[in-house]
Amino acid sequence: VQLQACGGGLVQPGGSLRLSCVASGSISSINAMRWYRQTPGKQRELVAGITRGGSANIADFVKGRFTISSDNAKNTVYLQMNSLKPEDTAVYYCYAVIRVHPFGSWGQGTLVTVSS
């Protein structure tokens, strides 16, 4: 499974961005998709996840501001980010949970910078 993430950029506080992650390869082996983020010196943290069946969960620290969704016809997962704060600045990564080896696949990161 290969993942291609895009949609990052520079946005002012209070603004919005939508990240996209397109999957290719063995799509049928994907059980779930997740978004993580990482800032320098910190561990990568889980932001949101969605199962193949559409069950979604959002981390408490972004709940009410971020939503995750998927378009199975386009093999794409989205992370809608609203009311962005400077502390949301990070490199965002998408990740596929795969039911066969290697059991997971990372996309390249996309940088989100929230600054005035």
N, C-alpha and C. Protein backbone atom coordinates (compact mmCIF):
# COMPACT_ATOMS: atom_id res chain seq x y z
N VAL A 1 0.85 -1.18 0.00
CA VAL A 1 0.00 0.00 0.00
C VAL A 1 0.89 1.23 0.00
N GLN A 2 0.59 2.15 -0.88
CA GLN A 2 1.32 3.42 -0.94
C GLN A 2 0.34 4.54 -0.63
N LEU A 3 0.81 5.52 0.10
CA LEU A 3 -0.02 6.64 0.52
C LEU A 3 0.60 7.95 0.06
N GLN A 4 -0.23 8.83 -0.44
CA GLN A 4 0.22 10.14 -0.89
C GLN A 4 -0.63 11.19 -0.18
N ALA A 5 0.02 11.95 0.69
CA ALA A 5 -0.68 12.99 1.45
C ALA A 5 -0.40 14.36 0.86
N CYS A 6 -1.39 15.22 0.94
CA CYS A 6 -1.21 16.60 0.48
C CYS A 6 -2.21 17.50 1.19
N GLY A 7 -2.06 18.80 0.98
CA GLY A 7 -3.02 19.74 1.52
C GLY A 7 -2.47 20.65 2.60
N GLY A 8 -1.25 20.40 3.05
CA GLY A 8 -0.67 21.25 4.06
C GLY A 8 -0.33 22.63 3.52
N GLY A 9 0.03 23.51 4.42
CA GLY A 9 0.39 24.86 4.01
C GLY A 9 0.41 25.80 5.18
N LEU A 10 0.49 27.07 4.87
CA LEU A 10 0.50 28.13 5.87
C LEU A 10 -0.90 28.72 6.00
N VAL A 11 -1.39 28.79 7.21
CA VAL A 11 -2.72 29.33 7.45
C VAL A 11 -2.68 30.18 8.71
N GLN A 12 -3.53 31.19 8.75
CA GLN A 12 -3.59 32.05 9.93
C GLN A 12 -4.40 31.36 11.04
N PRO A 13 -4.13 31.73 12.28
CA PRO A 13 -4.95 31.19 13.38
C PRO A 13 -6.43 31.42 13.12
N GLY A 14 -7.22 30.40 13.40
CA GLY A 14 -8.65 30.48 13.13
C GLY A 14 -9.05 29.98 11.76
N GLY A 15 -8.07 29.76 10.91
CA GLY A 15 -8.33 29.32 9.56
C GLY A 15 -8.56 27.82 9.46
N SER A 16 -8.74 27.37 8.21
CA SER A 16 -9.04 25.96 7.95
C SER A 16 -8.13 25.41 6.86
N LEU A 17 -7.92 24.12 6.94
CA LEU A 17 -7.22 23.38 5.89
C LEU A 17 -7.85 22.00 5.79
N ARG A 18 -7.78 21.42 4.62
CA ARG A 18 -8.20 20.04 4.45
C ARG A 18 -7.04 19.23 3.89
N LEU A 19 -6.63 18.23 4.65
CA LEU A 19 -5.59 17.33 4.20
C LEU A 19 -6.24 16.14 3.49
N SER A 20 -5.55 15.65 2.47
CA SER A 20 -6.02 14.47 1.74
C SER A 20 -4.93 13.41 1.75
N CYS A 21 -5.33 12.17 1.75
CA CYS A 21 -4.39 11.05 1.67
C CYS A 21 -4.99 10.03 0.71
N VAL A 22 -4.31 9.83 -0.39
CA VAL A 22 -4.77 8.90 -1.41
C VAL A 22 -3.99 7.60 -1.29
N ALA A 23 -4.70 6.51 -1.23
CA ALA A 23 -4.08 5.19 -1.14
C ALA A 23 -4.08 4.49 -2.49
N SER A 24 -3.03 3.73 -2.71
CA SER A 24 -2.93 2.93 -3.93
C SER A 24 -2.30 1.59 -3.58
N GLY A 25 -2.38 0.66 -4.49
CA GLY A 25 -1.83 -0.66 -4.23
C GLY A 25 -2.93 -1.60 -3.74
N SER A 26 -2.63 -2.39 -2.72
CA SER A 26 -3.57 -3.38 -2.19
C SER A 26 -4.61 -2.72 -1.30
N ILE A 27 -5.51 -2.00 -1.92
CA ILE A 27 -6.52 -1.24 -1.18
C ILE A 27 -7.36 -2.17 -0.32
N SER A 28 -7.66 -3.34 -0.81
CA SER A 28 -8.54 -4.25 -0.10
C SER A 28 -7.94 -4.76 1.20
N SER A 29 -6.63 -4.59 1.38
CA SER A 29 -5.99 -5.06 2.60
C SER A 29 -6.00 -4.01 3.71
N ILE A 30 -6.53 -2.83 3.43
CA ILE A 30 -6.55 -1.75 4.42
C ILE A 30 -7.74 -1.92 5.35
N ASN A 31 -7.47 -1.96 6.66
CA ASN A 31 -8.52 -2.05 7.66
C ASN A 31 -8.96 -0.69 8.17
N ALA A 32 -8.01 0.22 8.25
CA ALA A 32 -8.31 1.54 8.79
C ALA A 32 -7.25 2.52 8.31
N MET A 33 -7.61 3.79 8.39
CA MET A 33 -6.68 4.87 8.05
C MET A 33 -6.59 5.82 9.22
N ARG A 34 -5.41 6.35 9.43
CA ARG A 34 -5.20 7.27 10.54
C ARG A 34 -4.41 8.48 10.09
N TRP A 35 -4.57 9.57 10.84
CA TRP A 35 -3.72 10.75 10.71
C TRP A 35 -2.95 10.92 12.01
N TYR A 36 -1.67 11.13 11.89
CA TYR A 36 -0.79 11.45 13.01
C TYR A 36 -0.16 12.80 12.74
N ARG A 37 0.41 13.38 13.79
CA ARG A 37 1.18 14.60 13.61
C ARG A 37 2.41 14.56 14.50
N GLN A 38 3.39 15.32 14.09
CA GLN A 38 4.64 15.34 14.85
C GLN A 38 5.28 16.71 14.74
N THR A 39 5.77 17.18 15.89
CA THR A 39 6.55 18.41 15.94
C THR A 39 7.96 18.07 16.40
N PRO A 40 8.92 18.92 16.09
CA PRO A 40 10.32 18.61 16.46
C PRO A 40 10.46 18.34 17.95
N GLY A 41 11.14 17.26 18.27
CA GLY A 41 11.41 16.94 19.66
C GLY A 41 10.29 16.22 20.37
N LYS A 42 9.18 15.99 19.66
CA LYS A 42 8.05 15.30 20.29
C LYS A 42 7.74 14.01 19.54
N GLN A 43 7.09 13.12 20.25
CA GLN A 43 6.68 11.87 19.60
C GLN A 43 5.50 12.12 18.67
N ARG A 44 5.41 11.27 17.68
CA ARG A 44 4.27 11.35 16.77
C ARG A 44 3.01 10.99 17.55
N GLU A 45 1.95 11.78 17.36
CA GLU A 45 0.73 11.54 18.11
C GLU A 45 -0.44 11.30 17.17
N LEU A 46 -1.33 10.44 17.62
CA LEU A 46 -2.51 10.10 16.82
C LEU A 46 -3.53 11.23 16.89
N VAL A 47 -3.98 11.66 15.74
CA VAL A 47 -4.95 12.75 15.66
C VAL A 47 -6.35 12.22 15.40
N ALA A 48 -6.47 11.30 14.45
CA ALA A 48 -7.79 10.79 14.07
C ALA A 48 -7.64 9.48 13.33
N GLY A 49 -8.69 8.70 13.35
CA GLY A 49 -8.70 7.44 12.63
C GLY A 49 -10.08 7.12 12.12
N ILE A 50 -10.13 6.32 11.07
CA ILE A 50 -11.42 5.89 10.51
C ILE A 50 -11.27 4.48 9.99
N THR A 51 -12.24 3.64 10.31
CA THR A 51 -12.18 2.25 9.86
C THR A 51 -12.74 2.10 8.45
N ARG A 52 -12.55 0.94 7.89
CA ARG A 52 -13.10 0.67 6.55
C ARG A 52 -14.62 0.85 6.54
N GLY A 53 -15.22 0.52 7.68
CA GLY A 53 -16.67 0.65 7.77
C GLY A 53 -17.15 2.06 8.05
N GLY A 54 -16.22 2.98 8.26
CA GLY A 54 -16.60 4.37 8.44
C GLY A 54 -16.68 4.84 9.88
N SER A 55 -16.31 4.00 10.82
CA SER A 55 -16.31 4.40 12.22
C SER A 55 -15.10 5.27 12.48
N ALA A 56 -15.37 6.47 13.01
CA ALA A 56 -14.30 7.45 13.17
C ALA A 56 -14.07 7.79 14.63
N ASN A 57 -12.84 8.18 14.93
CA ASN A 57 -12.53 8.70 16.25
C ASN A 57 -11.55 9.84 16.11
N ILE A 58 -11.67 10.78 17.01
CA ILE A 58 -10.86 12.01 17.00
C ILE A 58 -10.21 12.17 18.36
N ALA A 59 -8.97 12.57 18.36
CA ALA A 59 -8.27 12.81 19.63
C ALA A 59 -8.93 13.95 20.38
N ASP A 60 -8.95 13.85 21.68
CA ASP A 60 -9.60 14.87 22.50
C ASP A 60 -9.04 16.26 22.25
N PHE A 61 -7.75 16.36 21.96
CA PHE A 61 -7.14 17.68 21.86
C PHE A 61 -7.53 18.42 20.58
N VAL A 62 -8.21 17.73 19.65
CA VAL A 62 -8.69 18.40 18.45
C VAL A 62 -10.19 18.20 18.24
N LYS A 63 -10.82 17.53 19.18
CA LYS A 63 -12.24 17.23 19.04
C LYS A 63 -13.05 18.53 18.96
N GLY A 64 -13.98 18.53 18.05
CA GLY A 64 -14.78 19.73 17.84
C GLY A 64 -14.20 20.67 16.81
N ARG A 65 -12.95 20.45 16.44
CA ARG A 65 -12.30 21.29 15.43
C ARG A 65 -11.91 20.49 14.19
N PHE A 66 -11.51 19.26 14.38
CA PHE A 66 -11.06 18.40 13.27
C PHE A 66 -12.09 17.31 13.03
N THR A 67 -12.25 16.93 11.77
CA THR A 67 -13.06 15.77 11.43
C THR A 67 -12.32 14.93 10.40
N ILE A 68 -12.54 13.63 10.46
CA ILE A 68 -11.95 12.71 9.51
C ILE A 68 -13.07 12.08 8.70
N SER A 69 -12.83 11.91 7.43
CA SER A 69 -13.82 11.30 6.57
C SER A 69 -13.10 10.53 5.46
N SER A 70 -13.86 9.73 4.75
CA SER A 70 -13.25 8.95 3.68
C SER A 70 -14.17 8.89 2.48
N ASP A 71 -13.57 8.75 1.34
CA ASP A 71 -14.29 8.54 0.09
C ASP A 71 -13.73 7.26 -0.51
N ASN A 72 -14.41 6.17 -0.27
CA ASN A 72 -13.87 4.87 -0.70
C ASN A 72 -13.75 4.78 -2.22
N ALA A 73 -14.62 5.44 -2.93
CA ALA A 73 -14.55 5.41 -4.39
C ALA A 73 -13.27 6.05 -4.91
N LYS A 74 -12.76 6.99 -4.14
CA LYS A 74 -11.52 7.68 -4.53
C LYS A 74 -10.32 7.19 -3.74
N ASN A 75 -10.53 6.19 -2.89
CA ASN A 75 -9.44 5.66 -2.05
C ASN A 75 -8.74 6.79 -1.29
N THR A 76 -9.52 7.70 -0.78
CA THR A 76 -8.98 8.90 -0.16
C THR A 76 -9.57 9.12 1.22
N VAL A 77 -8.72 9.54 2.14
CA VAL A 77 -9.13 9.93 3.47
C VAL A 77 -8.80 11.40 3.65
N TYR A 78 -9.71 12.11 4.31
CA TYR A 78 -9.54 13.54 4.51
C TYR A 78 -9.44 13.86 5.99
N LEU A 79 -8.72 14.91 6.28
CA LEU A 79 -8.72 15.49 7.62
C LEU A 79 -9.08 16.96 7.46
N GLN A 80 -10.29 17.28 7.85
CA GLN A 80 -10.75 18.67 7.83
C GLN A 80 -10.36 19.33 9.13
N MET A 81 -9.60 20.39 9.04
CA MET A 81 -9.10 21.06 10.23
C MET A 81 -9.63 22.49 10.24
N ASN A 82 -10.43 22.79 11.24
CA ASN A 82 -11.02 24.12 11.39
C ASN A 82 -10.52 24.77 12.67
N SER A 83 -10.71 26.06 12.76
CA SER A 83 -10.31 26.81 13.95
C SER A 83 -8.88 26.47 14.36
N LEU A 84 -8.01 26.50 13.40
CA LEU A 84 -6.63 26.10 13.64
C LEU A 84 -5.93 27.04 14.61
N LYS A 85 -5.07 26.44 15.42
CA LYS A 85 -4.30 27.17 16.43
C LYS A 85 -2.81 27.00 16.13
N PRO A 86 -2.00 27.91 16.61
CA PRO A 86 -0.55 27.77 16.40
C PRO A 86 -0.01 26.42 16.89
N GLU A 87 -0.60 25.89 17.94
CA GLU A 87 -0.12 24.61 18.46
C GLU A 87 -0.49 23.43 17.56
N ASP A 88 -1.28 23.66 16.54
CA ASP A 88 -1.56 22.62 15.55
C ASP A 88 -0.45 22.51 14.51
N THR A 89 0.48 23.44 14.56
CA THR A 89 1.60 23.40 13.63
C THR A 89 2.38 22.10 13.81
N ALA A 90 2.52 21.37 12.72
CA ALA A 90 3.18 20.06 12.78
C ALA A 90 3.28 19.50 11.37
N VAL A 91 4.04 18.44 11.25
CA VAL A 91 4.00 17.63 10.04
C VAL A 91 2.94 16.56 10.26
N TYR A 92 2.01 16.47 9.36
CA TYR A 92 0.92 15.53 9.46
C TYR A 92 1.18 14.34 8.53
N TYR A 93 0.98 13.15 9.08
CA TYR A 93 1.23 11.92 8.34
C TYR A 93 -0.04 11.08 8.28
N CYS A 94 -0.28 10.46 7.15
CA CYS A 94 -1.34 9.47 7.11
C CYS A 94 -0.72 8.08 7.22
N TYR A 95 -1.53 7.17 7.74
CA TYR A 95 -1.06 5.83 8.02
C TYR A 95 -2.18 4.84 7.72
N ALA A 96 -1.83 3.75 7.08
CA ALA A 96 -2.80 2.71 6.78
C ALA A 96 -2.54 1.50 7.67
N VAL A 97 -3.59 1.03 8.32
CA VAL A 97 -3.53 -0.22 9.08
C VAL A 97 -3.88 -1.34 8.11
N ILE A 98 -2.93 -2.24 7.91
CA ILE A 98 -3.07 -3.28 6.88
C ILE A 98 -3.15 -4.64 7.56
N ARG A 99 -4.01 -5.50 7.08
CA ARG A 99 -4.22 -6.78 7.77
C ARG A 99 -3.22 -7.85 7.35
N VAL A 100 -2.34 -7.55 6.44
CA VAL A 100 -1.27 -8.49 6.09
C VAL A 100 0.07 -7.77 6.23
N HIS A 101 1.13 -8.55 6.25
CA HIS A 101 2.47 -7.96 6.36
C HIS A 101 2.68 -6.94 5.25
N PRO A 102 3.23 -5.77 5.59
CA PRO A 102 3.91 -5.37 6.82
C PRO A 102 3.01 -4.75 7.89
N PHE A 103 1.69 -4.87 7.72
CA PHE A 103 0.70 -4.48 8.73
C PHE A 103 0.52 -2.99 8.89
N GLY A 104 1.31 -2.21 8.18
CA GLY A 104 1.13 -0.77 8.25
C GLY A 104 1.94 -0.08 7.17
N SER A 105 1.51 1.11 6.78
CA SER A 105 2.21 1.88 5.77
C SER A 105 2.05 3.36 6.05
N TRP A 106 3.14 4.09 5.96
CA TRP A 106 3.13 5.53 6.21
C TRP A 106 3.20 6.28 4.88
N GLY A 107 2.48 7.38 4.85
CA GLY A 107 2.64 8.30 3.75
C GLY A 107 3.72 9.31 4.11
N GLN A 108 4.12 10.10 3.13
CA GLN A 108 5.07 11.16 3.44
C GLN A 108 4.31 12.26 4.19
N GLY A 109 4.98 13.01 4.97
CA GLY A 109 4.31 14.04 5.75
C GLY A 109 3.95 15.25 4.92
N THR A 110 2.99 15.99 5.43
CA THR A 110 2.64 17.27 4.85
C THR A 110 2.64 18.31 5.97
N LEU A 111 3.34 19.40 5.74
CA LEU A 111 3.56 20.39 6.79
C LEU A 111 2.39 21.36 6.89
N VAL A 112 1.90 21.50 8.10
CA VAL A 112 0.87 22.49 8.40
C VAL A 112 1.49 23.52 9.34
N THR A 113 1.44 24.77 8.93
CA THR A 113 1.97 25.86 9.74
C THR A 113 0.85 26.84 10.02
N VAL A 114 0.58 27.05 11.30
CA VAL A 114 -0.47 27.99 11.70
C VAL A 114 0.21 29.19 12.34
N SER A 115 0.17 30.29 11.65
CA SER A 115 0.90 31.47 12.11
C SER A 115 0.31 32.72 11.47
N SER A 116 0.37 33.81 12.22
CA SER A 116 -0.08 35.09 11.67
C SER A 116 1.11 35.84 11.07
